[in-house]
């Protein structure tokens, strides 16, 4: 016996096409499998967000509310330790020279 249930759902046309494309390209066995995988990913995502919320709630109960300045300070610290890999990102609105790769 399988632990599956049939359902009827209304989805956006673009999402349906994406699922059908995944099946046609062999990335999913069938549309039901593709939808099931998407639901599983969403359930895991929701579980992780709840765990993160629980962590911050417990942390702040013990240490006090995290301030905006503490967040800015942490952001500055971790940005200063960032190592860029690959070509530098283009600035928004920047134009490439003709013939440039």
PDB file of N, CA and C in Angstrom:
ATOM      1  N   UNK A   1       0.834  -1.183   0.000  1.00  0.00           N
ATOM      2  CA  UNK A   1       0.000   0.000   0.000  1.00  0.00           C
ATOM      3  C   UNK A   1       0.880   1.249   0.000  1.00  0.00           C
ATOM      4  N   UNK A   2       0.435   2.223  -0.695  1.00  0.00           N
ATOM      5  CA  UNK A   2       1.156   3.495  -0.747  1.00  0.00           C
ATOM      6  C   UNK A   2       0.478   4.500   0.179  1.00  0.00           C
ATOM      7  N   UNK A   3       1.267   5.416   0.675  1.00  0.00           N
ATOM      8  CA  UNK A   3       0.746   6.435   1.578  1.00  0.00           C
ATOM      9  C   UNK A   3       0.544   7.741   0.811  1.00  0.00           C
ATOM     10  N   UNK A   4      -0.188   7.669  -0.259  1.00  0.00           N
ATOM     11  CA  UNK A   4      -0.419   8.836  -1.108  1.00  0.00           C
ATOM     12  C   UNK A   4      -1.905   9.110  -1.198  1.00  0.00           C
ATOM     13  N   UNK A   5      -2.222  10.385  -1.437  1.00  0.00           N
ATOM     14  CA  UNK A   5      -3.613  10.786  -1.610  1.00  0.00           C
ATOM     15  C   UNK A   5      -3.731  11.619  -2.870  1.00  0.00           C
ATOM     16  N   UNK A   6      -4.818  11.438  -3.557  1.00  0.00           N
ATOM     17  CA  UNK A   6      -5.090  12.222  -4.757  1.00  0.00           C
ATOM     18  C   UNK A   6      -5.594  13.594  -4.329  1.00  0.00           C
ATOM     19  N   UNK A   7      -5.209  14.632  -5.089  1.00  0.00           N
ATOM     20  CA  UNK A   7      -5.711  15.960  -4.801  1.00  0.00           C
ATOM     21  C   UNK A   7      -5.989  16.695  -6.093  1.00  0.00           C
ATOM     22  N   UNK A   8      -6.784  17.721  -5.973  1.00  0.00           N
ATOM     23  CA  UNK A   8      -7.062  18.603  -7.097  1.00  0.00           C
ATOM     24  C   UNK A   8      -6.578  19.977  -6.682  1.00  0.00           C
ATOM     25  N   UNK A   9      -5.786  20.616  -7.536  1.00  0.00           N
ATOM     26  CA  UNK A   9      -5.240  21.925  -7.187  1.00  0.00           C
ATOM     27  C   UNK A   9      -5.241  22.820  -8.410  1.00  0.00           C
ATOM     28  N   UNK A  10      -5.391  24.094  -8.175  1.00  0.00           N
ATOM     29  CA  UNK A  10      -5.305  25.081  -9.236  1.00  0.00           C
ATOM     30  C   UNK A  10      -3.945  25.750  -9.111  1.00  0.00           C
ATOM     31  N   UNK A  11      -3.179  25.741 -10.200  1.00  0.00           N
ATOM     32  CA  UNK A  11      -1.833  26.320 -10.176  1.00  0.00           C
ATOM     33  C   UNK A  11      -1.682  27.322 -11.312  1.00  0.00           C
ATOM     34  N   UNK A  12      -0.683  28.169 -11.172  1.00  0.00           N
ATOM     35  CA  UNK A  12      -0.394  29.140 -12.222  1.00  0.00           C
ATOM     36  C   UNK A  12       0.069  28.403 -13.475  1.00  0.00           C
ATOM     37  N   UNK A  13      -0.349  28.896 -14.629  1.00  0.00           N
ATOM     38  CA  UNK A  13      -0.025  28.251 -15.901  1.00  0.00           C
ATOM     39  C   UNK A  13       1.482  28.116 -16.097  1.00  0.00           C
ATOM     40  N   UNK A  14       2.244  29.131 -15.714  1.00  0.00           N
ATOM     41  CA  UNK A  14       3.700  29.083 -15.897  1.00  0.00           C
ATOM     42  C   UNK A  14       4.321  27.975 -15.054  1.00  0.00           C
ATOM     43  N   UNK A  15       3.784  27.743 -13.862  1.00  0.00           N
ATOM     44  CA  UNK A  15       4.310  26.675 -13.015  1.00  0.00           C
ATOM     45  C   UNK A  15       3.976  25.313 -13.598  1.00  0.00           C
ATOM     46  N   UNK A  16       2.787  25.174 -14.138  1.00  0.00           N
ATOM     47  CA  UNK A  16       2.400  23.920 -14.777  1.00  0.00           C
ATOM     48  C   UNK A  16       3.321  23.631 -15.959  1.00  0.00           C
ATOM     49  N   UNK A  17       3.602  24.657 -16.757  1.00  0.00           N
ATOM     50  CA  UNK A  17       4.506  24.473 -17.901  1.00  0.00           C
ATOM     51  C   UNK A  17       5.909  24.093 -17.431  1.00  0.00           C
ATOM     52  N   UNK A  18       6.363  24.687 -16.338  1.00  0.00           N
ATOM     53  CA  UNK A  18       7.690  24.348 -15.807  1.00  0.00           C
ATOM     54  C   UNK A  18       7.738  22.885 -15.394  1.00  0.00           C
ATOM     55  N   UNK A  19       6.677  22.400 -14.773  1.00  0.00           N
ATOM     56  CA  UNK A  19       6.613  21.001 -14.377  1.00  0.00           C
ATOM     57  C   UNK A  19       6.583  20.078 -15.578  1.00  0.00           C
ATOM     58  N   UNK A  20       5.804  20.432 -16.576  1.00  0.00           N
ATOM     59  CA  UNK A  20       5.725  19.623 -17.790  1.00  0.00           C
ATOM     60  C   UNK A  20       7.070  19.604 -18.515  1.00  0.00           C
ATOM     61  N   UNK A  21       7.772  20.743 -18.495  1.00  0.00           N
ATOM     62  CA  UNK A  21       9.099  20.815 -19.118  1.00  0.00           C
ATOM     63  C   UNK A  21      10.079  19.914 -18.364  1.00  0.00           C
ATOM     64  N   UNK A  22      10.001  19.902 -17.048  1.00  0.00           N
ATOM     65  CA  UNK A  22      10.881  19.046 -16.241  1.00  0.00           C
ATOM     66  C   UNK A  22      10.660  17.580 -16.583  1.00  0.00           C
ATOM     67  N   UNK A  23       9.409  17.198 -16.786  1.00  0.00           N
ATOM     68  CA  UNK A  23       9.099  15.816 -17.157  1.00  0.00           C
ATOM     69  C   UNK A  23       9.637  15.521 -18.557  1.00  0.00           C
ATOM     70  N   UNK A  24       9.384  16.431 -19.501  1.00  0.00           N
ATOM     71  CA  UNK A  24       9.832  16.230 -20.885  1.00  0.00           C
ATOM     72  C   UNK A  24      11.351  16.126 -20.974  1.00  0.00           C
ATOM     73  N   UNK A  25      12.058  16.856 -20.094  1.00  0.00           N
ATOM     74  CA  UNK A  25      13.526  16.843 -20.108  1.00  0.00           C
ATOM     75  C   UNK A  25      14.100  15.714 -19.259  1.00  0.00           C
ATOM     76  N   UNK A  26      13.237  14.911 -18.661  1.00  0.00           N
ATOM     77  CA  UNK A  26      13.703  13.780 -17.869  1.00  0.00           C
ATOM     78  C   UNK A  26      14.154  14.139 -16.457  1.00  0.00           C
ATOM     79  N   UNK A  27      13.843  15.344 -15.998  1.00  0.00           N
ATOM     80  CA  UNK A  27      14.237  15.751 -14.653  1.00  0.00           C
ATOM     81  C   UNK A  27      13.220  15.321 -13.602  1.00  0.00           C
ATOM     82  N   UNK A  28      12.085  14.810 -14.058  1.00  0.00           N
ATOM     83  CA  UNK A  28      11.056  14.294 -13.152  1.00  0.00           C
ATOM     84  C   UNK A  28      10.377  13.121 -13.840  1.00  0.00           C
ATOM     85  N   UNK A  29       9.994  12.139 -13.042  1.00  0.00           N
ATOM     86  CA  UNK A  29       9.342  10.941 -13.589  1.00  0.00           C
ATOM     87  C   UNK A  29       7.999  11.292 -14.221  1.00  0.00           C
ATOM     88  N   UNK A  30       7.248  12.125 -13.534  1.00  0.00           N
ATOM     89  CA  UNK A  30       5.945  12.582 -14.029  1.00  0.00           C
ATOM     90  C   UNK A  30       5.579  13.851 -13.271  1.00  0.00           C
ATOM     91  N   UNK A  31       4.477  14.488 -13.649  1.00  0.00           N
ATOM     92  CA  UNK A  31       4.087  15.745 -13.033  1.00  0.00           C
ATOM     93  C   UNK A  31       3.790  15.572 -11.541  1.00  0.00           C
ATOM     94  N   UNK A  32       3.181  14.460 -11.187  1.00  0.00           N
ATOM     95  CA  UNK A  32       2.899  14.214  -9.772  1.00  0.00           C
ATOM     96  C   UNK A  32       4.192  14.143  -8.960  1.00  0.00           C
ATOM     97  N   UNK A  33       5.209  13.494  -9.492  1.00  0.00           N
ATOM     98  CA  UNK A  33       6.489  13.399  -8.793  1.00  0.00           C
ATOM     99  C   UNK A  33       7.127  14.774  -8.661  1.00  0.00           C
ATOM    100  N   UNK A  34       7.030  15.592  -9.704  1.00  0.00           N
ATOM    101  CA  UNK A  34       7.591  16.936  -9.684  1.00  0.00           C
ATOM    102  C   UNK A  34       6.905  17.781  -8.616  1.00  0.00           C
ATOM    103  N   UNK A  35       5.576  17.730  -8.568  1.00  0.00           N
ATOM    104  CA  UNK A  35       4.815  18.474  -7.564  1.00  0.00           C
ATOM    105  C   UNK A  35       5.140  17.952  -6.169  1.00  0.00           C
ATOM    106  N   UNK A  36       5.215  16.635  -6.010  1.00  0.00           N
ATOM    107  CA  UNK A  36       5.527  16.046  -4.706  1.00  0.00           C
ATOM    108  C   UNK A  36       6.894  16.521  -4.216  1.00  0.00           C
ATOM    109  N   UNK A  37       7.892  16.556  -5.110  1.00  0.00           N
ATOM    110  CA  UNK A  37       9.223  17.044  -4.737  1.00  0.00           C
ATOM    111  C   UNK A  37       9.164  18.518  -4.320  1.00  0.00           C
ATOM    112  N   UNK A  38       8.392  19.318  -5.046  1.00  0.00           N
ATOM    113  CA  UNK A  38       8.266  20.738  -4.718  1.00  0.00           C
ATOM    114  C   UNK A  38       7.612  20.914  -3.345  1.00  0.00           C
ATOM    115  N   UNK A  39       6.590  20.138  -3.063  1.00  0.00           N
ATOM    116  CA  UNK A  39       5.930  20.218  -1.760  1.00  0.00           C
ATOM    117  C   UNK A  39       6.876  19.776  -0.640  1.00  0.00           C
ATOM    118  N   UNK A  40       7.674  18.764  -0.903  1.00  0.00           N
ATOM    119  CA  UNK A  40       8.646  18.299   0.100  1.00  0.00           C
ATOM    120  C   UNK A  40       9.680  19.381   0.385  1.00  0.00           C
ATOM    121  N   UNK A  41      10.169  20.062  -0.680  1.00  0.00           N
ATOM    122  CA  UNK A  41      11.134  21.142  -0.477  1.00  0.00           C
ATOM    123  C   UNK A  41      10.514  22.283   0.327  1.00  0.00           C
ATOM    124  N   UNK A  42       9.263  22.618   0.035  1.00  0.00           N
ATOM    125  CA  UNK A  42       8.591  23.697   0.764  1.00  0.00           C
ATOM    126  C   UNK A  42       8.393  23.322   2.222  1.00  0.00           C
ATOM    127  N   UNK A  43       8.014  22.076   2.485  1.00  0.00           N
ATOM    128  CA  UNK A  43       7.827  21.623   3.865  1.00  0.00           C
ATOM    129  C   UNK A  43       9.149  21.696   4.635  1.00  0.00           C
ATOM    130  N   UNK A  44      10.261  21.314   4.002  1.00  0.00           N
ATOM    131  CA  UNK A  44      11.575  21.387   4.643  1.00  0.00           C
ATOM    132  C   UNK A  44      11.973  22.838   4.878  1.00  0.00           C
ATOM    133  N   UNK A  45      11.707  23.688   3.904  1.00  0.00           N
ATOM    134  CA  UNK A  45      11.995  25.120   4.034  1.00  0.00           C
ATOM    135  C   UNK A  45      11.222  25.705   5.222  1.00  0.00           C
ATOM    136  N   UNK A  46       9.934  25.386   5.313  1.00  0.00           N
ATOM    137  CA  UNK A  46       9.110  25.874   6.415  1.00  0.00           C
ATOM    138  C   UNK A  46       9.622  25.367   7.758  1.00  0.00           C
ATOM    139  N   UNK A  47      10.057  24.104   7.813  1.00  0.00           N
ATOM    140  CA  UNK A  47      10.589  23.527   9.045  1.00  0.00           C
ATOM    141  C   UNK A  47      11.845  24.267   9.486  1.00  0.00           C
ATOM    142  N   UNK A  48      12.718  24.578   8.528  1.00  0.00           N
ATOM    143  CA  UNK A  48      13.958  25.282   8.854  1.00  0.00           C
ATOM    144  C   UNK A  48      13.694  26.708   9.320  1.00  0.00           C
ATOM    145  N   UNK A  49      12.743  27.389   8.668  1.00  0.00           N
ATOM    146  CA  UNK A  49      12.409  28.745   9.101  1.00  0.00           C
ATOM    147  C   UNK A  49      11.849  28.748  10.518  1.00  0.00           C
ATOM    148  N   UNK A  50      11.030  27.766  10.842  1.00  0.00           N
ATOM    149  CA  UNK A  50      10.490  27.672  12.198  1.00  0.00           C
ATOM    150  C   UNK A  50      11.610  27.421  13.198  1.00  0.00           C
ATOM    151  N   UNK A  51      12.553  26.556  12.854  1.00  0.00           N
ATOM    152  CA  UNK A  51      13.682  26.288  13.740  1.00  0.00           C
ATOM    153  C   UNK A  51      14.508  27.558  13.951  1.00  0.00           C
ATOM    154  N   UNK A  52      14.696  28.336  12.897  1.00  0.00           N
ATOM    155  CA  UNK A  52      15.439  29.587  13.007  1.00  0.00           C
ATOM    156  C   UNK A  52      14.689  30.579  13.894  1.00  0.00           C
ATOM    157  N   UNK A  53      13.373  30.697  13.699  1.00  0.00           N
ATOM    158  CA  UNK A  53      12.560  31.557  14.562  1.00  0.00           C
ATOM    159  C   UNK A  53      12.680  31.131  16.015  1.00  0.00           C
ATOM    160  N   UNK A  54      12.600  29.827  16.262  1.00  0.00           N
ATOM    161  CA  UNK A  54      12.710  29.302  17.626  1.00  0.00           C
ATOM    162  C   UNK A  54      14.073  29.647  18.226  1.00  0.00           C
ATOM    163  N   UNK A  55      15.142  29.496  17.412  1.00  0.00           N
ATOM    164  CA  UNK A  55      16.488  29.813  17.887  1.00  0.00           C
ATOM    165  C   UNK A  55      16.584  31.274  18.312  1.00  0.00           C
ATOM    166  N   UNK A  56      16.122  32.204  17.443  1.00  0.00           N
ATOM    167  CA  UNK A  56      16.209  33.622  17.769  1.00  0.00           C
ATOM    168  C   UNK A  56      15.353  33.972  18.985  1.00  0.00           C
ATOM    169  N   UNK A  57      14.198  33.368  19.095  1.00  0.00           N
ATOM    170  CA  UNK A  57      13.331  33.609  20.250  1.00  0.00           C
ATOM    171  C   UNK A  57      14.041  33.201  21.537  1.00  0.00           C
ATOM    172  N   UNK A  58      14.656  32.024  21.545  1.00  0.00           N
ATOM    173  CA  UNK A  58      15.383  31.542  22.723  1.00  0.00           C
ATOM    174  C   UNK A  58      16.614  32.401  22.998  1.00  0.00           C
ATOM    175  N   UNK A  59      17.347  32.762  21.943  1.00  0.00           N
ATOM    176  CA  UNK A  59      18.548  33.586  22.108  1.00  0.00           C
ATOM    177  C   UNK A  59      18.181  34.929  22.729  1.00  0.00           C
ATOM    178  N   UNK A  60      17.160  35.584  22.168  1.00  0.00           N
ATOM    179  CA  UNK A  60      16.772  36.895  22.665  1.00  0.00           C
ATOM    180  C   UNK A  60      16.179  36.818  24.068  1.00  0.00           C
ATOM    181  N   UNK A  61      15.529  35.728  24.414  1.00  0.00           N
ATOM    182  CA  UNK A  61      15.009  35.559  25.773  1.00  0.00           C
ATOM    183  C   UNK A  61      16.160  35.498  26.771  1.00  0.00           C
ATOM    184  N   UNK A  62      17.273  34.912  26.362  1.00  0.00           N
ATOM    185  CA  UNK A  62      18.422  34.770  27.260  1.00  0.00           C
ATOM    186  C   UNK A  62      19.351  35.981  27.233  1.00  0.00           C
ATOM    187  N   UNK A  63      19.554  36.582  26.042  1.00  0.00           N
ATOM    188  CA  UNK A  63      20.567  37.629  25.881  1.00  0.00           C
ATOM    189  C   UNK A  63      20.001  39.006  25.583  1.00  0.00           C
ATOM    190  N   UNK A  64      18.725  39.117  25.385  1.00  0.00           N
ATOM    191  CA  UNK A  64      18.122  40.394  25.016  1.00  0.00           C
ATOM    192  C   UNK A  64      17.937  40.499  23.514  1.00  0.00           C
ATOM    193  N   UNK A  65      17.127  41.464  23.122  1.00  0.00           N
ATOM    194  CA  UNK A  65      16.797  41.667  21.712  1.00  0.00           C
ATOM    195  C   UNK A  65      18.043  42.084  20.935  1.00  0.00           C
ATOM    196  N   UNK A  66      18.214  41.511  19.769  1.00  0.00           N
ATOM    197  CA  UNK A  66      19.332  41.863  18.892  1.00  0.00           C
ATOM    198  C   UNK A  66      19.029  43.229  18.298  1.00  0.00           C
ATOM    199  N   UNK A  67      19.969  44.169  18.471  1.00  0.00           N
ATOM    200  CA  UNK A  67      19.734  45.543  18.024  1.00  0.00           C
ATOM    201  C   UNK A  67      20.111  45.719  16.560  1.00  0.00           C
ATOM    202  N   UNK A  68      19.610  46.801  15.959  1.00  0.00           N
ATOM    203  CA  UNK A  68      19.967  47.143  14.579  1.00  0.00           C
ATOM    204  C   UNK A  68      21.480  47.360  14.465  1.00  0.00           C
ATOM    205  N   UNK A  69      22.092  47.983  15.478  1.00  0.00           N
ATOM    206  CA  UNK A  69      23.536  48.219  15.439  1.00  0.00           C
ATOM    207  C   UNK A  69      24.297  46.899  15.460  1.00  0.00           C
ATOM    208  N   UNK A  70      23.846  45.927  16.230  1.00  0.00           N
ATOM    209  CA  UNK A  70      24.507  44.614  16.251  1.00  0.00           C
ATOM    210  C   UNK A  70      24.392  43.936  14.884  1.00  0.00           C
ATOM    211  N   UNK A  71      23.263  44.091  14.251  1.00  0.00           N
ATOM    212  CA  UNK A  71      23.073  43.516  12.912  1.00  0.00           C
ATOM    213  C   UNK A  71      24.000  44.204  11.918  1.00  0.00           C
ATOM    214  N   UNK A  72      24.070  45.547  11.951  1.00  0.00           N
ATOM    215  CA  UNK A  72      24.969  46.281  11.041  1.00  0.00           C
ATOM    216  C   UNK A  72      26.420  45.893  11.285  1.00  0.00           C
ATOM    217  N   UNK A  73      26.801  45.767  12.545  1.00  0.00           N
ATOM    218  CA  UNK A  73      28.170  45.398  12.888  1.00  0.00           C
ATOM    219  C   UNK A  73      28.510  44.002  12.354  1.00  0.00           C
ATOM    220  N   UNK A  74      27.614  43.058  12.529  1.00  0.00           N
ATOM    221  CA  UNK A  74      27.846  41.698  12.020  1.00  0.00           C
ATOM    222  C   UNK A  74      27.931  41.704  10.497  1.00  0.00           C
ATOM    223  N   UNK A  75      27.059  42.492   9.861  1.00  0.00           N
ATOM    224  CA  UNK A  75      27.074  42.577   8.403  1.00  0.00           C
ATOM    225  C   UNK A  75      28.414  43.134   7.920  1.00  0.00           C
ATOM    226  N   UNK A  76      28.901  44.211   8.564  1.00  0.00           N
ATOM    227  CA  UNK A  76      30.201  44.788   8.179  1.00  0.00           C
ATOM    228  C   UNK A  76      31.314  43.769   8.363  1.00  0.00           C
ATOM    229  N   UNK A  77      31.294  43.070   9.487  1.00  0.00           N
ATOM    230  CA  UNK A  77      32.332  42.079   9.775  1.00  0.00           C
ATOM    231  C   UNK A  77      32.372  40.993   8.709  1.00  0.00           C
ATOM    232  N   UNK A  78      31.222  40.413   8.401  1.00  0.00           N
ATOM    233  CA  UNK A  78      31.220  39.308   7.440  1.00  0.00           C
ATOM    234  C   UNK A  78      31.466  39.772   6.015  1.00  0.00           C
ATOM    235  N   UNK A  79      31.029  40.978   5.679  1.00  0.00           N
ATOM    236  CA  UNK A  79      31.355  41.503   4.354  1.00  0.00           C
ATOM    237  C   UNK A  79      32.855  41.737   4.218  1.00  0.00           C
ATOM    238  N   UNK A  80      33.515  42.151   5.284  1.00  0.00           N
ATOM    239  CA  UNK A  80      34.958  42.397   5.225  1.00  0.00           C
ATOM    240  C   UNK A  80      35.738  41.102   5.047  1.00  0.00           C
ATOM    241  N   UNK A  81      35.145  39.977   5.389  1.00  0.00           N
ATOM    242  CA  UNK A  81      35.808  38.674   5.280  1.00  0.00           C
ATOM    243  C   UNK A  81      35.431  37.933   3.996  1.00  0.00           C
ATOM    244  N   UNK A  82      34.616  38.556   3.166  1.00  0.00           N
ATOM    245  CA  UNK A  82      34.161  37.921   1.937  1.00  0.00           C
ATOM    246  C   UNK A  82      35.305  37.809   0.934  1.00  0.00           C
ATOM    247  N   UNK A  83      35.403  36.656   0.311  1.00  0.00           N
ATOM    248  CA  UNK A  83      36.391  36.443  -0.741  1.00  0.00           C
ATOM    249  C   UNK A  83      35.623  36.291  -2.047  1.00  0.00           C
ATOM    250  N   UNK A  84      35.904  37.180  -2.986  1.00  0.00           N
ATOM    251  CA  UNK A  84      35.225  37.104  -4.280  1.00  0.00           C
ATOM    252  C   UNK A  84      35.924  36.087  -5.165  1.00  0.00           C
ATOM    253  N   UNK A  85      35.128  35.295  -5.856  1.00  0.00           N
ATOM    254  CA  UNK A  85      35.649  34.270  -6.755  1.00  0.00           C
ATOM    255  C   UNK A  85      35.102  34.553  -8.145  1.00  0.00           C
ATOM    256  N   UNK A  86      35.948  34.496  -9.141  1.00  0.00           N
ATOM    257  CA  UNK A  86      35.501  34.705 -10.509  1.00  0.00           C
ATOM    258  C   UNK A  86      35.574  36.164 -10.905  1.00  0.00           C
ATOM    259  N   UNK A  87      34.975  36.471 -12.032  1.00  0.00           N
ATOM    260  CA  UNK A  87      34.994  37.826 -12.561  1.00  0.00           C
ATOM    261  C   UNK A  87      34.161  38.741 -11.675  1.00  0.00           C
ATOM    262  N   UNK A  88      34.582  39.997 -11.536  1.00  0.00           N
ATOM    263  CA  UNK A  88      33.790  40.928 -10.730  1.00  0.00           C
ATOM    264  C   UNK A  88      32.432  41.174 -11.382  1.00  0.00           C
ATOM    265  N   UNK A  89      31.445  41.364 -10.559  1.00  0.00           N
ATOM    266  CA  UNK A  89      30.092  41.606 -11.064  1.00  0.00           C
ATOM    267  C   UNK A  89      30.049  42.973 -11.728  1.00  0.00           C
ATOM    268  N   UNK A  90      29.254  43.069 -12.797  1.00  0.00           N
ATOM    269  CA  UNK A  90      29.094  44.351 -13.472  1.00  0.00           C
ATOM    270  C   UNK A  90      28.197  45.243 -12.632  1.00  0.00           C
ATOM    271  N   UNK A  91      28.463  46.541 -12.691  1.00  0.00           N
ATOM    272  CA  UNK A  91      27.630  47.494 -11.987  1.00  0.00           C
ATOM    273  C   UNK A  91      26.302  47.596 -12.734  1.00  0.00           C
ATOM    274  N   UNK A  92      25.193  47.773 -12.019  1.00  0.00           N
ATOM    275  CA  UNK A  92      23.900  47.911 -12.694  1.00  0.00           C
ATOM    276  C   UNK A  92      23.954  49.059 -13.699  1.00  0.00           C
ATOM    277  N   UNK A  93      23.465  48.826 -14.876  1.00  0.00           N
ATOM    278  CA  UNK A  93      23.424  49.846 -15.911  1.00  0.00           C
ATOM    279  C   UNK A  93      24.728  50.008 -16.679  1.00  0.00           C
ATOM    280  N   UNK A  94      25.747  49.250 -16.312  1.00  0.00           N
ATOM    281  CA  UNK A  94      27.041  49.355 -17.005  1.00  0.00           C
ATOM    282  C   UNK A  94      26.910  48.769 -18.401  1.00  0.00           C
ATOM    283  N   UNK A  95      27.610  49.364 -19.354  1.00  0.00           N
ATOM    284  CA  UNK A  95      27.583  48.871 -20.730  1.00  0.00           C
ATOM    285  C   UNK A  95      28.867  48.138 -21.017  1.00  0.00           C
ATOM    286  N   UNK A  96      28.751  47.033 -21.756  1.00  0.00           N
ATOM    287  CA  UNK A  96      29.930  46.283 -22.182  1.00  0.00           C
ATOM    288  C   UNK A  96      30.465  46.897 -23.474  1.00  0.00           C
ATOM    289  N   UNK A  97      31.778  46.861 -23.635  1.00  0.00           N
ATOM    290  CA  UNK A  97      32.383  47.314 -24.879  1.00  0.00           C
ATOM    291  C   UNK A  97      32.159  46.254 -25.938  1.00  0.00           C
ATOM    292  N   UNK A  98      32.021  46.689 -27.179  1.00  0.00           N
ATOM    293  CA  UNK A  98      31.852  45.743 -28.275  1.00  0.00           C
ATOM    294  C   UNK A  98      33.060  44.824 -28.343  1.00  0.00           C
ATOM    295  N   UNK A  99      32.781  43.537 -28.549  1.00  0.00           N
ATOM    296  CA  UNK A  99      33.848  42.567 -28.676  1.00  0.00           C
ATOM    297  C   UNK A  99      34.342  42.051 -27.341  1.00  0.00           C
ATOM    298  N   UNK A 100      33.856  42.618 -26.240  1.00  0.00           N
ATOM    299  CA  UNK A 100      34.276  42.152 -24.916  1.00  0.00           C
ATOM    300  C   UNK A 100      33.559  40.840 -24.613  1.00  0.00           C
ATOM    301  N   UNK A 101      34.246  39.939 -23.961  1.00  0.00           N
ATOM    302  CA  UNK A 101      33.665  38.641 -23.633  1.00  0.00           C
ATOM    303  C   UNK A 101      32.773  38.727 -22.437  1.00  0.00           C
TER     304      UNK A 101
END
